[in-house]
Amino acid sequence: MCARRVRKSGSSISIGDLAARVSVPVTHQTMLSTYASGFTINTLRRAYRLFDGDLTLFLVFGEIAHYNMSRALQALNFRDAPDSARWKVLMRALPGHKVTPCNALSISEATGIPRETVRRKVKELEERGWLVREGARRLTLAPRAIEQLGSSGRVIMEDFRETARVIRLLEDAFTHQQKNRRPGAGGEAGTARKR
């Protein structure tokens, strides 16, 4: 049934027709961002399954994981080339960086989720054995969480790399297409104008 619906809607309107009906210009960037959103949707689908349909729980967990890694990530300078001496030193030092604990208030402020909701989600993550609480306010990921989500994380990274690869290819194609459309540009468009 779903396949029929896709076929029917796919044949009813073209991308060009759809773009013509939109009041703002549909640029190549719009098309690229629409394609990139597929990565986000796939990630949310996986999260929905992993977190038993509770995307708020996933968001709280993700914020804690990101916060825990933030100090180590800030130490990296992404302007350096990966084969530079400085980058190699930073990468060797990465495992020694301390995890940055966080609290319910910082998660609430970062996400906009009410503090009480964050507290309930933190408690649920603790019950699952995915969070460790040190004192009243210091939350860090538990090794069990990393083990549980390891294979899912690998799939997400593969999906991210593939999405980035396709976006680069599309950007190159759009740039090439734009160059060929400019007046006086070479290629078939330029040759056709000269005749």
Protein backbone atom coordinates (compact mmCIF):
# COMPACT_ATOMS: atom_id res chain seq x y z
CA MET A 1 0.00 0.00 0.00
CA CYS A 2 2.79 2.42 0.91
CA ALA A 3 4.69 1.61 -2.31
CA ARG A 4 1.59 2.48 -4.39
CA ARG A 5 1.28 5.83 -2.66
CA VAL A 6 4.93 6.66 -3.39
CA ARG A 7 4.55 5.75 -7.08
CA LYS A 8 1.37 7.75 -7.46
CA SER A 9 2.76 10.93 -5.83
CA GLY A 10 6.08 10.54 -7.67
CA SER A 11 4.36 10.65 -11.05
CA SER A 12 1.99 13.52 -10.26
CA ILE A 13 4.43 16.44 -9.95
CA SER A 14 8.03 17.15 -10.91
CA ILE A 15 10.60 18.92 -8.76
CA GLY A 16 10.47 21.85 -11.20
CA ASP A 17 6.68 22.08 -10.93
CA LEU A 18 6.86 21.93 -7.14
CA ALA A 19 9.55 24.65 -7.08
CA ALA A 20 7.41 26.86 -9.34
CA ARG A 21 4.56 26.72 -6.80
CA VAL A 22 6.75 27.87 -3.88
CA SER A 23 6.80 31.62 -3.19
CA VAL A 24 10.52 31.69 -2.28
CA PRO A 25 13.22 30.65 -4.77
CA VAL A 26 14.19 26.98 -4.51
CA THR A 27 17.97 27.10 -4.68
CA HIS A 28 20.50 24.33 -4.93
CA GLN A 29 21.13 24.86 -1.20
CA THR A 30 17.45 24.15 -0.54
CA MET A 31 17.72 20.89 -2.45
CA LEU A 32 20.94 19.95 -0.64
CA SER A 33 19.47 20.68 2.78
CA THR A 34 16.38 18.63 1.90
CA TYR A 35 18.64 15.72 0.95
CA ALA A 36 20.72 16.17 4.13
CA SER A 37 17.58 16.04 6.26
CA GLY A 38 17.36 12.36 5.29
CA PHE A 39 20.32 11.75 7.60
CA THR A 40 18.49 13.45 10.47
CA ILE A 41 15.30 11.46 9.82
CA ASN A 42 17.25 8.16 9.73
CA THR A 43 18.98 9.05 13.01
CA LEU A 44 15.67 9.92 14.66
CA ARG A 45 14.15 6.63 13.46
CA ARG A 46 17.01 4.69 15.05
CA ALA A 47 16.70 6.75 18.23
CA TYR A 48 12.96 6.11 18.32
CA ARG A 49 13.61 2.36 18.32
CA LEU A 50 16.56 2.46 20.75
CA PHE A 51 14.78 4.69 23.25
CA ASP A 52 11.41 2.91 23.05
CA GLY A 53 9.70 5.80 21.26
CA ASP A 54 10.86 8.43 23.77
CA LEU A 55 12.69 11.07 21.72
CA THR A 56 12.91 13.38 24.74
CA LEU A 57 14.92 10.66 26.51
CA PHE A 58 17.18 10.45 23.44
CA LEU A 59 17.69 14.22 23.42
CA VAL A 60 18.59 14.32 27.13
CA PHE A 61 20.98 11.39 26.66
CA GLY A 62 22.55 13.02 23.58
CA GLU A 63 23.07 16.34 25.36
CA ILE A 64 24.77 14.60 28.29
CA ALA A 65 27.03 12.63 25.92
CA HIS A 66 27.93 15.78 23.99
CA TYR A 67 28.57 17.77 27.17
CA ASN A 68 30.77 14.97 28.56
CA MET A 69 32.96 15.14 25.44
CA SER A 70 32.94 18.93 25.03
CA ARG A 71 36.22 19.72 26.80
CA ALA A 72 38.14 17.14 24.79
CA LEU A 73 36.58 18.34 21.52
CA GLN A 74 37.40 21.97 22.30
CA ALA A 75 41.06 21.01 22.68
CA LEU A 76 41.17 19.92 19.03
CA ASN A 77 41.97 22.56 16.43
CA PHE A 78 40.11 21.61 13.28
CA ARG A 79 42.05 24.16 11.21
CA ASP A 80 45.18 22.03 11.51
CA ALA A 81 45.77 19.37 8.88
CA PRO A 82 45.17 15.83 10.23
CA ASP A 83 48.75 14.87 9.35
CA SER A 84 50.32 17.91 11.06
CA ALA A 85 52.58 17.38 14.08
CA ARG A 86 50.23 19.43 16.32
CA TRP A 87 47.19 17.33 15.30
CA LYS A 88 49.07 14.10 16.04
CA VAL A 89 50.00 15.36 19.51
CA LEU A 90 46.38 16.38 20.21
CA MET A 91 45.05 13.00 19.04
CA ARG A 92 47.54 11.10 21.24
CA ALA A 93 46.46 13.21 24.22
CA LEU A 94 42.72 12.77 23.56
CA PRO A 95 42.20 9.61 25.69
CA GLY A 96 43.72 11.39 28.70
CA HIS A 97 41.20 14.26 28.66
CA LYS A 98 38.83 14.34 31.59
CA VAL A 99 35.12 13.80 30.97
CA THR A 100 33.10 16.96 31.66
CA PRO A 101 30.16 16.13 33.95
CA CYS A 102 26.91 18.07 33.63
CA ASN A 103 23.68 18.58 35.57
CA ALA A 104 19.95 18.70 34.90
CA LEU A 105 19.92 22.51 34.84
CA SER A 106 22.53 22.76 32.06
CA ILE A 107 20.67 20.10 30.03
CA SER A 108 17.39 21.96 30.53
CA GLU A 109 18.95 25.26 29.43
CA ALA A 110 20.62 23.67 26.37
CA THR A 111 17.49 21.86 25.15
CA GLY A 112 14.61 23.99 26.39
CA ILE A 113 13.13 20.90 28.06
CA PRO A 114 11.65 21.76 31.50
CA ARG A 115 13.99 20.93 34.38
CA GLU A 116 11.52 18.52 36.02
CA THR A 117 11.22 16.58 32.76
CA VAL A 118 15.00 16.43 32.47
CA ARG A 119 15.23 15.12 36.05
CA ARG A 120 12.71 12.35 35.26
CA LYS A 121 14.62 11.39 32.09
CA VAL A 122 17.93 11.39 33.97
CA LYS A 123 16.40 9.06 36.57
CA GLU A 124 15.19 6.74 33.79
CA LEU A 125 18.67 6.72 32.19
CA GLU A 126 20.17 5.89 35.59
CA GLU A 127 17.70 3.01 36.01
CA ARG A 128 18.75 1.66 32.61
CA GLY A 129 22.36 1.81 33.79
CA TRP A 130 23.28 4.33 31.08
CA LEU A 131 24.23 7.22 33.39
CA VAL A 132 26.46 7.55 36.42
CA ARG A 133 25.77 10.22 39.01
CA GLU A 134 28.71 11.53 41.03
CA GLY A 135 27.28 13.59 43.85
CA ALA A 136 24.08 15.54 43.38
CA ARG A 137 24.84 17.23 40.07
CA ARG A 138 27.58 15.45 38.15
CA LEU A 139 26.21 13.25 35.35
CA THR A 140 28.37 11.17 33.01
CA LEU A 141 27.73 8.35 30.58
CA ALA A 142 28.12 4.84 31.94
CA PRO A 143 30.24 2.27 30.08
CA ARG A 144 27.06 0.22 29.57
CA ALA A 145 25.53 3.02 27.46
CA ILE A 146 28.58 3.13 25.21
CA GLU A 147 28.47 -0.65 24.79
CA GLN A 148 24.71 -0.63 24.07
CA LEU A 149 24.94 2.12 21.48
CA GLY A 150 28.25 1.12 19.87
CA SER A 151 26.87 -0.64 16.80
CA SER A 152 24.16 1.99 16.32
CA GLY A 153 26.83 4.70 16.48
CA ARG A 154 28.83 2.96 13.75
CA VAL A 155 25.77 2.80 11.48
CA ILE A 156 25.04 6.50 12.10
CA MET A 157 28.65 7.41 11.23
CA GLU A 158 28.50 5.37 8.00
CA ASP A 159 25.23 7.08 7.09
CA PHE A 160 26.76 10.49 7.90
CA ARG A 161 29.83 9.82 5.74
CA GLU A 162 27.69 8.65 2.82
CA THR A 163 25.39 11.67 3.14
CA ALA A 164 28.42 14.01 3.20
CA ARG A 165 29.91 12.24 0.14
CA VAL A 166 26.69 12.61 -1.89
CA ILE A 167 26.29 16.27 -0.84
CA ARG A 168 29.86 17.00 -2.00
CA LEU A 169 29.12 15.34 -5.36
CA LEU A 170 25.87 17.29 -5.74
CA GLU A 171 27.56 20.58 -4.80
CA ASP A 172 30.26 19.94 -7.41
CA ALA A 173 27.62 19.11 -10.02
CA PHE A 174 25.56 22.24 -9.20
CA THR A 175 28.69 24.43 -9.30
CA HIS A 176 29.68 22.95 -12.67
CA GLN A 177 26.14 23.50 -13.97
CA GLN A 178 26.17 27.15 -12.81
CA LYS A 179 29.55 27.79 -14.50
CA ASN A 180 28.22 26.41 -17.78
CA ARG A 181 25.12 28.64 -17.61
CA ARG A 182 27.03 31.91 -17.23
CA PRO A 183 27.28 34.08 -20.37
CA GLY A 184 30.55 33.48 -22.15
CA ALA A 185 31.26 30.28 -20.22
CA GLY A 186 32.80 27.34 -22.01
CA GLY A 187 31.17 23.98 -22.50
CA GLU A 188 28.06 23.08 -24.48
CA ALA A 189 25.98 26.01 -23.24
CA GLY A 190 28.68 28.49 -24.27
CA THR A 191 29.17 26.75 -27.64
CA ALA A 192 25.43 26.77 -28.35
CA ARG A 193 25.24 30.54 -27.73
CA LYS A 194 28.16 31.22 -30.09
CA ARG A 195 26.37 29.50 -33.01
